[in-house]
Amino acid sequence: MQEKNWLQRLTKSQRDKWIGGVCGGLGRHSPVPAWCWRFIFAFLFLFYGIGLVLYVLLWIFIPRDAETGEDGGPGHG
C-alpha cells in the first residue's frame, strides 16, 4: 500500500491551536513551523485581505485529529 503524503494526512491540531488548530496542524504535517503559518495567514489578511478567507475554508474542510493519540498510532513516526 502506498503511504499518504503530508497533505493527505493533514488534520487540525488539538494541542497547538490558538483559534481552530489549522496552523498547528499545518506546522505538524509540513516542513514549515506553526508560527510561520500564523505569520503567513496574518500577512495575507492584513495586506491582501484573503488570509481570513483561506483560514476559514481550511478550518471547515480539514478534519479534526482523533481524540486519542494525536502524535501516536500507526503511520506516525
C-alpha atoms as a PDB file:
ATOM      1  CA  MET A   1       0.000   0.000   0.000  1.00  0.00           C
ATOM      2  CA  GLN A   2       1.279   3.443  -0.860  1.00  0.00           C
ATOM      3  CA  GLU A   3       1.933   5.777   2.078  1.00  0.00           C
ATOM      4  CA  LYS A   4      -0.045   9.028   2.147  1.00  0.00           C
ATOM      5  CA  ASN A   5       1.811  12.300   1.700  1.00  0.00           C
ATOM      6  CA  TRP A   6       1.650  15.113   4.290  1.00  0.00           C
ATOM      7  CA  LEU A   7      -1.278  16.814   2.577  1.00  0.00           C
ATOM      8  CA  GLN A   8      -3.408  13.665   2.646  1.00  0.00           C
ATOM      9  CA  ARG A   9      -2.623  13.173   6.376  1.00  0.00           C
ATOM     10  CA  LEU A  10      -3.333  16.827   7.233  1.00  0.00           C
ATOM     11  CA  THR A  11      -5.521  17.325  10.296  1.00  0.00           C
ATOM     12  CA  LYS A  12      -6.226  20.237  12.627  1.00  0.00           C
ATOM     13  CA  SER A  13      -4.204  20.152  15.820  1.00  0.00           C
ATOM     14  CA  GLN A  14      -5.993  19.808  19.150  1.00  0.00           C
ATOM     15  CA  ARG A  15      -2.901  20.758  21.189  1.00  0.00           C
ATOM     16  CA  ASP A  16      -1.137  23.510  19.209  1.00  0.00           C
ATOM     17  CA  LYS A  17      -4.022  25.850  18.460  1.00  0.00           C
ATOM     18  CA  TRP A  18      -4.923  29.455  19.031  1.00  0.00           C
ATOM     19  CA  ILE A  19      -8.267  29.585  17.217  1.00  0.00           C
ATOM     20  CA  GLY A  20      -9.071  26.491  15.187  1.00  0.00           C
ATOM     21  CA  GLY A  21      -5.904  24.417  15.099  1.00  0.00           C
ATOM     22  CA  VAL A  22      -5.295  24.941  11.381  1.00  0.00           C
ATOM     23  CA  CYS A  23      -1.813  26.447  11.721  1.00  0.00           C
ATOM     24  CA  GLY A  24      -0.810  23.875  14.336  1.00  0.00           C
ATOM     25  CA  GLY A  25      -1.877  21.080  12.008  1.00  0.00           C
ATOM     26  CA  LEU A  26      -0.079  22.630   9.055  1.00  0.00           C
ATOM     27  CA  GLY A  27       3.025  23.045  11.206  1.00  0.00           C
ATOM     28  CA  ARG A  28       2.965  19.417  12.329  1.00  0.00           C
ATOM     29  CA  HIS A  29       2.419  17.938   8.869  1.00  0.00           C
ATOM     30  CA  SER A  30       4.601  20.249   6.756  1.00  0.00           C
ATOM     31  CA  PRO A  31       8.247  21.318   6.994  1.00  0.00           C
ATOM     32  CA  VAL A  32       7.158  24.882   7.934  1.00  0.00           C
ATOM     33  CA  PRO A  33       6.639  25.556  11.695  1.00  0.00           C
ATOM     34  CA  ALA A  34       3.232  26.603  13.072  1.00  0.00           C
ATOM     35  CA  TRP A  35       4.365  30.128  13.998  1.00  0.00           C
ATOM     36  CA  CYS A  36       5.380  30.708  10.397  1.00  0.00           C
ATOM     37  CA  TRP A  37       1.929  29.598   9.166  1.00  0.00           C
ATOM     38  CA  ARG A  38       0.342  32.034  11.627  1.00  0.00           C
ATOM     39  CA  PHE A  39       2.538  34.827  10.279  1.00  0.00           C
ATOM     40  CA  ILE A  40       1.643  33.919   6.666  1.00  0.00           C
ATOM     41  CA  PHE A  41      -2.099  33.988   7.362  1.00  0.00           C
ATOM     42  CA  ALA A  42      -1.811  37.282   9.278  1.00  0.00           C
ATOM     43  CA  PHE A  43       0.278  38.824   6.494  1.00  0.00           C
ATOM     44  CA  LEU A  44      -2.190  37.698   3.816  1.00  0.00           C
ATOM     45  CA  PHE A  45      -5.082  39.068   5.860  1.00  0.00           C
ATOM     46  CA  LEU A  46      -3.512  42.440   6.632  1.00  0.00           C
ATOM     47  CA  PHE A  47      -2.078  43.192   3.192  1.00  0.00           C
ATOM     48  CA  TYR A  48      -4.302  41.319   0.748  1.00  0.00           C
ATOM     49  CA  GLY A  49      -7.476  40.542   2.722  1.00  0.00           C
ATOM     50  CA  ILE A  50      -7.506  36.866   1.694  1.00  0.00           C
ATOM     51  CA  GLY A  51      -5.839  35.308   4.767  1.00  0.00           C
ATOM     52  CA  LEU A  52      -9.050  35.139   6.794  1.00  0.00           C
ATOM     53  CA  VAL A  53     -10.991  33.533   3.939  1.00  0.00           C
ATOM     54  CA  LEU A  54      -8.276  30.899   3.427  1.00  0.00           C
ATOM     55  CA  TYR A  55      -8.087  30.188   7.145  1.00  0.00           C
ATOM     56  CA  VAL A  56     -11.867  29.757   7.489  1.00  0.00           C
ATOM     57  CA  LEU A  57     -12.004  27.450   4.452  1.00  0.00           C
ATOM     58  CA  LEU A  58      -9.198  25.319   5.865  1.00  0.00           C
ATOM     59  CA  TRP A  59     -10.906  25.342   9.268  1.00  0.00           C
ATOM     60  CA  ILE A  60     -14.066  23.965   7.654  1.00  0.00           C
ATOM     61  CA  PHE A  61     -12.517  21.375   5.338  1.00  0.00           C
ATOM     62  CA  ILE A  62      -9.517  19.994   7.259  1.00  0.00           C
ATOM     63  CA  PRO A  63     -10.615  17.123   9.506  1.00  0.00           C
ATOM     64  CA  ARG A  64     -10.014  17.191  13.245  1.00  0.00           C
ATOM     65  CA  ASP A  65      -7.414  14.971  14.936  1.00  0.00           C
ATOM     66  CA  ALA A  66      -8.663  11.797  16.522  1.00  0.00           C
ATOM     67  CA  GLU A  67      -9.257  12.403  20.208  1.00  0.00           C
ATOM     68  CA  THR A  68      -6.888   9.567  21.172  1.00  0.00           C
ATOM     69  CA  GLY A  69      -3.196   9.648  20.336  1.00  0.00           C
ATOM     70  CA  GLU A  70      -2.697  12.756  18.225  1.00  0.00           C
ATOM     71  CA  ASP A  71       1.008  12.070  17.744  1.00  0.00           C
ATOM     72  CA  GLY A  72       0.957   8.291  18.072  1.00  0.00           C
ATOM     73  CA  GLY A  73      -0.614   5.400  16.273  1.00  0.00           C
ATOM     74  CA  PRO A  74       0.197   3.572  13.081  1.00  0.00           C
ATOM     75  CA  GLY A  75       1.947   5.543  10.373  1.00  0.00           C
ATOM     76  CA  HIS A  76       3.156   8.311  12.706  1.00  0.00           C
ATOM     77  CA  GLY A  77       6.817   8.446  13.396  1.00  0.00           C
END
